[in-house]
Amino acid sequence: MLAEILAVASAAGCGWLLVAPGAARRRLGFIGAGVHRPRPRVMPAAARPPAWLTDRLRGAAVERVRGAAAIELCEGIAAELRAGRTPAEALRRASEATEPRLLADLGPALAAARAGEDVSAALCGAGSRAGSRRGAASALRRLGICWRVGAESGGAFAPAVERLAAALRDEESAGREVAAQLAGARAAARLLAALPFLGLLLALGLGVDPLAFWFDTPVGFGCLVLGLALDILGLLWMRRLGRAAEVVR
């Protein structure tokens, strides 16, 4: 509710600045409003998101794809085992339809299956190299453990892999539900973190110069550093709470 009120108030303030006469319009650069300037076709470099942010978002998307592919791999292995194929043959046939970004991690396991070596160790090693407790890395490690238990005890391998695939599918569904529940809180936190910068624009539009106070006086500079520190601390705290909720599930 607070985030919605702040968003409406911010939009109203920006709208007032756009239609208000006098100093506010001059401060925002609306002199010569009759001159239509062509918009640039390319986004300015300053307006583009930083490279680390785009790389992080791209990495998260790739990890989601790999996690879904690992679940499909387990389901495919279980189906091949139910059809009467050996575990090594089931792994090979199921990997033929696997996402290429996951297939690279399966290379050692496929080579071990062809050579008749320890496939479970190769799968656990692939999961350890991926370096994550969730997603594709967790699925490969758990598949390797199922493979080892089936090979050492001689038990039925297909039911174990089926239960593993069902558990991974349930975890994926729970993860989506947790992300949906946290989306509102994360959006509100980001909005609150961005409000000081919007306040700076409003102050400049009204003819106030907070930059001189911040950078020309020790008290102002201290306020600036403290405000930025609290802003960043709030974002980090919200991020930690979100990760804790994801781990608890």
C-alpha atoms as a PDB file:
ATOM      1  CA  MET A   1       0.000   0.000   0.000  1.00  0.00           C
ATOM      2  CA  LEU A   2       2.834   2.391   0.885  1.00  0.00           C
ATOM      3  CA  ALA A   3       4.576   1.677  -2.394  1.00  0.00           C
ATOM      4  CA  GLU A   4       1.390   2.437  -4.356  1.00  0.00           C
ATOM      5  CA  ILE A   5       0.870   5.759  -2.517  1.00  0.00           C
ATOM      6  CA  LEU A   6       4.468   6.795  -3.152  1.00  0.00           C
ATOM      7  CA  ALA A   7       4.215   5.855  -6.812  1.00  0.00           C
ATOM      8  CA  VAL A   8       1.044   7.939  -7.258  1.00  0.00           C
ATOM      9  CA  ALA A   9       2.607  10.889  -5.433  1.00  0.00           C
ATOM     10  CA  SER A  10       5.749  10.691  -7.566  1.00  0.00           C
ATOM     11  CA  ALA A  11       3.730  10.548 -10.780  1.00  0.00           C
ATOM     12  CA  ALA A  12       1.652  13.542  -9.663  1.00  0.00           C
ATOM     13  CA  GLY A  13       4.799  15.516  -8.867  1.00  0.00           C
ATOM     14  CA  CYS A  14       6.333  14.771 -12.245  1.00  0.00           C
ATOM     15  CA  GLY A  15       3.093  15.732 -13.985  1.00  0.00           C
ATOM     16  CA  TRP A  16       2.997  19.050 -12.126  1.00  0.00           C
ATOM     17  CA  LEU A  17       6.537  19.815 -13.207  1.00  0.00           C
ATOM     18  CA  LEU A  18       5.659  19.161 -16.827  1.00  0.00           C
ATOM     19  CA  VAL A  19       2.789  21.655 -16.847  1.00  0.00           C
ATOM     20  CA  ALA A  20       3.980  24.222 -14.273  1.00  0.00           C
ATOM     21  CA  PRO A  21       5.224  27.554 -15.616  1.00  0.00           C
ATOM     22  CA  GLY A  22       8.244  29.539 -14.514  1.00  0.00           C
ATOM     23  CA  ALA A  23      11.392  28.313 -12.858  1.00  0.00           C
ATOM     24  CA  ALA A  24      10.453  24.647 -12.712  1.00  0.00           C
ATOM     25  CA  ARG A  25      10.056  24.383 -16.465  1.00  0.00           C
ATOM     26  CA  ARG A  26      13.231  26.370 -17.097  1.00  0.00           C
ATOM     27  CA  ARG A  27      15.193  24.166 -14.708  1.00  0.00           C
ATOM     28  CA  LEU A  28      14.047  21.060 -16.537  1.00  0.00           C
ATOM     29  CA  GLY A  29      15.090  22.438 -19.906  1.00  0.00           C
ATOM     30  CA  PHE A  30      11.766  23.140 -21.564  1.00  0.00           C
ATOM     31  CA  ILE A  31      12.933  26.442 -23.090  1.00  0.00           C
ATOM     32  CA  GLY A  32      11.996  26.491 -26.739  1.00  0.00           C
ATOM     33  CA  ALA A  33       9.259  23.928 -26.400  1.00  0.00           C
ATOM     34  CA  GLY A  34       8.162  24.646 -29.955  1.00  0.00           C
ATOM     35  CA  VAL A  35      11.379  23.178 -31.337  1.00  0.00           C
ATOM     36  CA  HIS A  36      10.998  19.483 -31.983  1.00  0.00           C
ATOM     37  CA  ARG A  37      14.282  17.685 -31.544  1.00  0.00           C
ATOM     38  CA  PRO A  38      14.655  14.274 -33.166  1.00  0.00           C
ATOM     39  CA  ARG A  39      14.954  11.447 -30.733  1.00  0.00           C
ATOM     40  CA  PRO A  40      18.142   9.420 -30.921  1.00  0.00           C
ATOM     41  CA  ARG A  41      17.757   6.033 -32.510  1.00  0.00           C
ATOM     42  CA  VAL A  42      20.362   4.468 -30.245  1.00  0.00           C
ATOM     43  CA  MET A  43      20.039   4.426 -26.461  1.00  0.00           C
ATOM     44  CA  PRO A  44      22.683   6.670 -24.884  1.00  0.00           C
ATOM     45  CA  ALA A  45      25.455   4.820 -23.091  1.00  0.00           C
ATOM     46  CA  ALA A  46      24.566   6.448 -19.776  1.00  0.00           C
ATOM     47  CA  ALA A  47      20.984   5.161 -20.037  1.00  0.00           C
ATOM     48  CA  ARG A  48      21.966   1.569 -20.720  1.00  0.00           C
ATOM     49  CA  PRO A  49      21.996  -0.924 -17.867  1.00  0.00           C
ATOM     50  CA  PRO A  50      25.465  -1.772 -16.560  1.00  0.00           C
ATOM     51  CA  ALA A  51      27.225  -4.779 -18.006  1.00  0.00           C
ATOM     52  CA  TRP A  52      27.337  -6.622 -14.678  1.00  0.00           C
ATOM     53  CA  LEU A  53      23.554  -6.356 -14.364  1.00  0.00           C
ATOM     54  CA  THR A  54      22.877  -7.700 -17.860  1.00  0.00           C
ATOM     55  CA  ASP A  55      25.391 -10.519 -17.322  1.00  0.00           C
ATOM     56  CA  ARG A  56      23.737 -11.434 -14.049  1.00  0.00           C
ATOM     57  CA  LEU A  57      20.247 -11.465 -15.550  1.00  0.00           C
ATOM     58  CA  ARG A  58      21.480 -13.520 -18.488  1.00  0.00           C
ATOM     59  CA  GLY A  59      23.189 -15.972 -16.133  1.00  0.00           C
ATOM     60  CA  ALA A  60      20.029 -16.371 -14.059  1.00  0.00           C
ATOM     61  CA  ALA A  61      18.001 -17.084 -17.205  1.00  0.00           C
ATOM     62  CA  VAL A  62      20.538 -19.685 -18.360  1.00  0.00           C
ATOM     63  CA  GLU A  63      20.478 -21.365 -14.941  1.00  0.00           C
ATOM     64  CA  ARG A  64      16.685 -21.607 -15.071  1.00  0.00           C
ATOM     65  CA  VAL A  65      16.898 -23.244 -18.499  1.00  0.00           C
ATOM     66  CA  ARG A  66      19.542 -25.688 -17.276  1.00  0.00           C
ATOM     67  CA  GLY A  67      17.482 -26.556 -14.212  1.00  0.00           C
ATOM     68  CA  ALA A  68      14.421 -27.337 -16.327  1.00  0.00           C
ATOM     69  CA  ALA A  69      16.588 -29.396 -18.689  1.00  0.00           C
ATOM     70  CA  ALA A  70      17.946 -31.425 -15.757  1.00  0.00           C
ATOM     71  CA  ILE A  71      14.407 -32.288 -14.672  1.00  0.00           C
ATOM     72  CA  GLU A  72      13.526 -33.376 -18.203  1.00  0.00           C
ATOM     73  CA  LEU A  73      16.713 -35.462 -18.299  1.00  0.00           C
ATOM     74  CA  CYS A  74      15.686 -37.347 -15.153  1.00  0.00           C
ATOM     75  CA  GLU A  75      12.208 -37.915 -16.544  1.00  0.00           C
ATOM     76  CA  GLY A  76      13.693 -39.148 -19.813  1.00  0.00           C
ATOM     77  CA  ILE A  77      16.038 -41.568 -18.036  1.00  0.00           C
ATOM     78  CA  ALA A  78      13.136 -42.950 -16.002  1.00  0.00           C
ATOM     79  CA  ALA A  79      11.073 -43.456 -19.157  1.00  0.00           C
ATOM     80  CA  GLU A  80      13.941 -45.246 -20.916  1.00  0.00           C
ATOM     81  CA  LEU A  81      14.491 -47.488 -17.895  1.00  0.00           C
ATOM     82  CA  ARG A  82      10.790 -48.350 -17.851  1.00  0.00           C
ATOM     83  CA  ALA A  83      11.160 -49.337 -21.492  1.00  0.00           C
ATOM     84  CA  GLY A  84      13.710 -51.977 -20.479  1.00  0.00           C
ATOM     85  CA  ARG A  85      16.984 -50.264 -21.368  1.00  0.00           C
ATOM     86  CA  THR A  86      20.103 -50.407 -19.231  1.00  0.00           C
ATOM     87  CA  PRO A  87      21.037 -47.341 -17.137  1.00  0.00           C
ATOM     88  CA  ALA A  88      23.961 -46.453 -19.409  1.00  0.00           C
ATOM     89  CA  GLU A  89      21.812 -46.730 -22.535  1.00  0.00           C
ATOM     90  CA  ALA A  90      18.996 -44.779 -20.862  1.00  0.00           C
ATOM     91  CA  LEU A  91      21.398 -41.949 -20.015  1.00  0.00           C
ATOM     92  CA  ARG A  92      22.719 -41.850 -23.558  1.00  0.00           C
ATOM     93  CA  ARG A  93      19.284 -41.803 -25.192  1.00  0.00           C
ATOM     94  CA  ALA A  94      17.835 -39.267 -22.750  1.00  0.00           C
ATOM     95  CA  SER A  95      20.813 -36.941 -23.256  1.00  0.00           C
ATOM     96  CA  GLU A  96      20.173 -36.813 -27.014  1.00  0.00           C
ATOM     97  CA  ALA A  97      17.219 -34.470 -26.408  1.00  0.00           C
ATOM     98  CA  THR A  98      18.923 -32.480 -23.636  1.00  0.00           C
ATOM     99  CA  GLU A  99      19.497 -28.732 -23.701  1.00  0.00           C
ATOM    100  CA  PRO A 100      23.000 -28.075 -25.164  1.00  0.00           C
ATOM    101  CA  ARG A 101      23.949 -25.896 -22.184  1.00  0.00           C
ATOM    102  CA  LEU A 102      23.408 -28.902 -19.905  1.00  0.00           C
ATOM    103  CA  LEU A 103      24.871 -31.437 -22.323  1.00  0.00           C
ATOM    104  CA  ALA A 104      28.336 -29.947 -21.805  1.00  0.00           C
ATOM    105  CA  ASP A 105      28.182 -30.951 -18.122  1.00  0.00           C
ATOM    106  CA  LEU A 106      27.090 -34.467 -19.065  1.00  0.00           C
ATOM    107  CA  GLY A 107      30.153 -35.126 -21.239  1.00  0.00           C
ATOM    108  CA  PRO A 108      32.207 -36.934 -18.558  1.00  0.00           C
ATOM    109  CA  ALA A 109      29.202 -39.014 -17.474  1.00  0.00           C
ATOM    110  CA  LEU A 110      28.451 -40.058 -21.055  1.00  0.00           C
ATOM    111  CA  ALA A 111      32.102 -40.972 -21.599  1.00  0.00           C
ATOM    112  CA  ALA A 112      32.090 -43.022 -18.391  1.00  0.00           C
ATOM    113  CA  ALA A 113      28.903 -44.806 -19.494  1.00  0.00           C
ATOM    114  CA  ARG A 114      30.454 -45.735 -22.851  1.00  0.00           C
ATOM    115  CA  ALA A 115      33.641 -46.979 -21.190  1.00  0.00           C
ATOM    116  CA  GLY A 116      31.832 -48.898 -18.469  1.00  0.00           C
ATOM    117  CA  GLU A 117      33.337 -46.743 -15.715  1.00  0.00           C
ATOM    118  CA  ASP A 118      31.795 -45.122 -12.623  1.00  0.00           C
ATOM    119  CA  VAL A 119      28.950 -42.963 -13.953  1.00  0.00           C
ATOM    120  CA  SER A 120      27.800 -41.879 -10.496  1.00  0.00           C
ATOM    121  CA  ALA A 121      31.169 -40.263  -9.736  1.00  0.00           C
ATOM    122  CA  ALA A 122      31.077 -38.416 -13.061  1.00  0.00           C
ATOM    123  CA  LEU A 123      27.565 -37.110 -12.377  1.00  0.00           C
ATOM    124  CA  CYS A 124      28.467 -35.988  -8.847  1.00  0.00           C
ATOM    125  CA  GLY A 125      31.604 -34.345 -10.201  1.00  0.00           C
ATOM    126  CA  ALA A 126      29.600 -32.488 -12.843  1.00  0.00           C
ATOM    127  CA  GLY A 127      27.237 -31.208 -10.151  1.00  0.00           C
ATOM    128  CA  SER A 128      30.145 -30.090  -7.973  1.00  0.00           C
ATOM    129  CA  ARG A 129      31.798 -28.217 -10.837  1.00  0.00           C
ATOM    130  CA  ALA A 130      28.570 -26.307 -11.490  1.00  0.00           C
ATOM    131  CA  GLY A 131      28.898 -24.881  -7.968  1.00  0.00           C
ATOM    132  CA  SER A 132      25.282 -24.458  -6.879  1.00  0.00           C
ATOM    133  CA  ARG A 133      23.041 -26.038  -4.273  1.00  0.00           C
ATOM    134  CA  ARG A 134      19.982 -25.730  -6.495  1.00  0.00           C
ATOM    135  CA  GLY A 135      19.027 -26.095 -10.121  1.00  0.00           C
ATOM    136  CA  ALA A 136      20.968 -28.256 -12.548  1.00  0.00           C
ATOM    137  CA  ALA A 137      23.933 -28.785 -10.205  1.00  0.00           C
ATOM    138  CA  SER A 138      21.746 -30.197  -7.441  1.00  0.00           C
ATOM    139  CA  ALA A 139      19.847 -32.379  -9.915  1.00  0.00           C
ATOM    140  CA  LEU A 140      23.044 -33.899 -11.343  1.00  0.00           C
ATOM    141  CA  ARG A 141      24.483 -34.624  -7.893  1.00  0.00           C
ATOM    142  CA  ARG A 142      21.281 -36.274  -6.735  1.00  0.00           C
ATOM    143  CA  LEU A 143      21.058 -38.273  -9.952  1.00  0.00           C
ATOM    144  CA  GLY A 144      24.609 -39.467  -9.321  1.00  0.00           C
ATOM    145  CA  ILE A 145      23.652 -40.546  -5.791  1.00  0.00           C
ATOM    146  CA  CYS A 146      20.632 -42.463  -7.125  1.00  0.00           C
ATOM    147  CA  TRP A 147      22.885 -44.114  -9.691  1.00  0.00           C
ATOM    148  CA  ARG A 148      25.362 -45.164  -6.983  1.00  0.00           C
ATOM    149  CA  VAL A 149      22.654 -46.562  -4.706  1.00  0.00           C
ATOM    150  CA  GLY A 150      21.121 -48.506  -7.580  1.00  0.00           C
ATOM    151  CA  ALA A 151      24.485 -49.912  -8.660  1.00  0.00           C
ATOM    152  CA  GLU A 152      25.634 -50.884  -5.160  1.00  0.00           C
ATOM    153  CA  SER A 153      22.382 -52.266  -3.766  1.00  0.00           C
ATOM    154  CA  GLY A 154      21.015 -53.739  -6.962  1.00  0.00           C
ATOM    155  CA  GLY A 155      17.667 -52.106  -6.307  1.00  0.00           C
ATOM    156  CA  ALA A 156      15.251 -50.838  -8.903  1.00  0.00           C
ATOM    157  CA  PHE A 157      16.769 -47.747 -10.483  1.00  0.00           C
ATOM    158  CA  ALA A 158      13.710 -46.512 -12.413  1.00  0.00           C
ATOM    159  CA  PRO A 159      11.469 -45.802  -9.365  1.00  0.00           C
ATOM    160  CA  ALA A 160      14.295 -43.882  -7.680  1.00  0.00           C
ATOM    161  CA  VAL A 161      14.840 -41.672 -10.724  1.00  0.00           C
ATOM    162  CA  GLU A 162      11.093 -41.135 -11.077  1.00  0.00           C
ATOM    163  CA  ARG A 163      10.854 -39.984  -7.460  1.00  0.00           C
ATOM    164  CA  LEU A 164      13.858 -37.722  -8.001  1.00  0.00           C
ATOM    165  CA  ALA A 165      12.235 -36.151 -11.070  1.00  0.00           C
ATOM    166  CA  ALA A 166       8.985 -35.623  -9.149  1.00  0.00           C
ATOM    167  CA  ALA A 167      10.864 -34.015  -6.239  1.00  0.00           C
ATOM    168  CA  LEU A 168      12.753 -31.704  -8.593  1.00  0.00           C
ATOM    169  CA  ARG A 169       9.509 -30.734 -10.311  1.00  0.00           C
ATOM    170  CA  ASP A 170       7.913 -29.931  -6.930  1.00  0.00           C
ATOM    171  CA  GLU A 171      10.928 -27.818  -5.945  1.00  0.00           C
ATOM    172  CA  GLU A 172      10.713 -25.918  -9.220  1.00  0.00           C
ATOM    173  CA  SER A 173       7.018 -25.205  -8.637  1.00  0.00           C
ATOM    174  CA  ALA A 174       7.696 -24.100  -5.054  1.00  0.00           C
ATOM    175  CA  GLY A 175      10.481 -21.826  -6.277  1.00  0.00           C
ATOM    176  CA  ARG A 176       8.146 -20.110  -8.725  1.00  0.00           C
ATOM    177  CA  GLU A 177       5.564 -19.628  -5.972  1.00  0.00           C
ATOM    178  CA  VAL A 178       8.141 -18.136  -3.598  1.00  0.00           C
ATOM    179  CA  ALA A 179       9.412 -15.806  -6.328  1.00  0.00           C
ATOM    180  CA  ALA A 180       5.854 -14.644  -7.018  1.00  0.00           C
ATOM    181  CA  GLN A 181       5.250 -13.990  -3.318  1.00  0.00           C
ATOM    182  CA  LEU A 182       8.495 -12.016  -3.024  1.00  0.00           C
ATOM    183  CA  ALA A 183       7.981  -9.989  -6.201  1.00  0.00           C
ATOM    184  CA  GLY A 184       5.795  -7.354  -4.523  1.00  0.00           C
ATOM    185  CA  ALA A 185       8.148  -6.852  -1.578  1.00  0.00           C
ATOM    186  CA  ARG A 186      11.172  -6.607  -3.856  1.00  0.00           C
ATOM    187  CA  ALA A 187       9.443  -4.091  -6.119  1.00  0.00           C
ATOM    188  CA  ALA A 188       8.485  -1.951  -3.113  1.00  0.00           C
ATOM    189  CA  ALA A 189      12.057  -2.047  -1.806  1.00  0.00           C
ATOM    190  CA  ARG A 190      13.461  -0.963  -5.173  1.00  0.00           C
ATOM    191  CA  LEU A 191      10.912   1.835  -5.414  1.00  0.00           C
ATOM    192  CA  LEU A 192      11.808   3.109  -1.955  1.00  0.00           C
ATOM    193  CA  ALA A 193      15.497   2.940  -2.852  1.00  0.00           C
ATOM    194  CA  ALA A 194      14.881   5.018  -5.993  1.00  0.00           C
ATOM    195  CA  LEU A 195      12.758   7.689  -4.285  1.00  0.00           C
ATOM    196  CA  PRO A 196      15.755   9.765  -3.061  1.00  0.00           C
ATOM    197  CA  PHE A 197      16.948  10.167  -6.651  1.00  0.00           C
ATOM    198  CA  LEU A 198      13.455  11.212  -7.699  1.00  0.00           C
ATOM    199  CA  GLY A 199      13.483  13.710  -4.841  1.00  0.00           C
ATOM    200  CA  LEU A 200      16.715  15.136  -6.227  1.00  0.00           C
ATOM    201  CA  LEU A 201      15.064  15.704  -9.608  1.00  0.00           C
ATOM    202  CA  LEU A 202      12.070  17.343  -7.968  1.00  0.00           C
ATOM    203  CA  ALA A 203      14.340  19.646  -5.947  1.00  0.00           C
ATOM    204  CA  LEU A 204      16.243  20.698  -9.057  1.00  0.00           C
ATOM    205  CA  GLY A 205      12.975  21.321 -10.849  1.00  0.00           C
ATOM    206  CA  LEU A 206      11.745  23.571  -8.038  1.00  0.00           C
ATOM    207  CA  GLY A 207      14.892  25.682  -8.107  1.00  0.00           C
ATOM    208  CA  VAL A 208      16.613  24.179  -5.069  1.00  0.00           C
ATOM    209  CA  ASP A 209      20.269  23.185  -5.366  1.00  0.00           C
ATOM    210  CA  PRO A 210      20.962  20.265  -3.006  1.00  0.00           C
ATOM    211  CA  LEU A 211      24.196  19.437  -4.823  1.00  0.00           C
ATOM    212  CA  ALA A 212      25.888  22.520  -3.403  1.00  0.00           C
ATOM    213  CA  PHE A 213      24.841  21.520   0.114  1.00  0.00           C
ATOM    214  CA  TRP A 214      26.032  17.945  -0.358  1.00  0.00           C
ATOM    215  CA  PHE A 215      29.423  18.630  -1.889  1.00  0.00           C
ATOM    216  CA  ASP A 216      30.350  22.048  -0.494  1.00  0.00           C
ATOM    217  CA  THR A 217      29.645  21.499   3.217  1.00  0.00           C
ATOM    218  CA  PRO A 218      30.923  18.764   5.556  1.00  0.00           C
ATOM    219  CA  VAL A 219      27.469  18.262   7.050  1.00  0.00           C
ATOM    220  CA  GLY A 220      25.896  17.881   3.628  1.00  0.00           C
ATOM    221  CA  PHE A 221      28.553  15.430   2.482  1.00  0.00           C
ATOM    222  CA  GLY A 222      28.034  13.405   5.647  1.00  0.00           C
ATOM    223  CA  CYS A 223      24.288  13.316   5.003  1.00  0.00           C
ATOM    224  CA  LEU A 224      24.928  12.169   1.431  1.00  0.00           C
ATOM    225  CA  VAL A 225      27.244   9.344   2.494  1.00  0.00           C
ATOM    226  CA  LEU A 226      24.901   8.251   5.282  1.00  0.00           C
ATOM    227  CA  GLY A 227      21.868   8.314   2.996  1.00  0.00           C
ATOM    228  CA  LEU A 228      23.585   6.277   0.280  1.00  0.00           C
ATOM    229  CA  ALA A 229      24.849   3.794   2.863  1.00  0.00           C
ATOM    230  CA  LEU A 230      21.364   3.321   4.316  1.00  0.00           C
ATOM    231  CA  ASP A 231      19.893   3.000   0.824  1.00  0.00           C
ATOM    232  CA  ILE A 232      22.367   0.285  -0.150  1.00  0.00           C
ATOM    233  CA  LEU A 233      21.989  -1.421   3.225  1.00  0.00           C
ATOM    234  CA  GLY A 234      18.235  -1.602   2.750  1.00  0.00           C
ATOM    235  CA  LEU A 235      18.616  -3.227  -0.661  1.00  0.00           C
ATOM    236  CA  LEU A 236      21.135  -5.748   0.665  1.00  0.00           C
ATOM    237  CA  TRP A 237      18.873  -6.553   3.603  1.00  0.00           C
ATOM    238  CA  MET A 238      15.912  -7.146   1.308  1.00  0.00           C
ATOM    239  CA  ARG A 239      18.076  -9.325  -0.919  1.00  0.00           C
ATOM    240  CA  ARG A 240      19.196 -11.391   2.068  1.00  0.00           C
ATOM    241  CA  LEU A 241      15.619 -11.843   3.271  1.00  0.00           C
ATOM    242  CA  GLY A 242      14.586 -13.011  -0.197  1.00  0.00           C
ATOM    243  CA  ARG A 243      17.428 -15.514  -0.414  1.00  0.00           C
ATOM    244  CA  ALA A 244      16.641 -16.806   3.071  1.00  0.00           C
ATOM    245  CA  ALA A 245      13.033 -17.403   2.020  1.00  0.00           C
ATOM    246  CA  GLU A 246      14.202 -19.269  -1.088  1.00  0.00           C
ATOM    247  CA  VAL A 247      16.534 -21.486   0.953  1.00  0.00           C
ATOM    248  CA  VAL A 248      13.857 -22.266   3.567  1.00  0.00           C
ATOM    249  CA  ARG A 249      11.530 -23.649   0.917  1.00  0.00           C
END
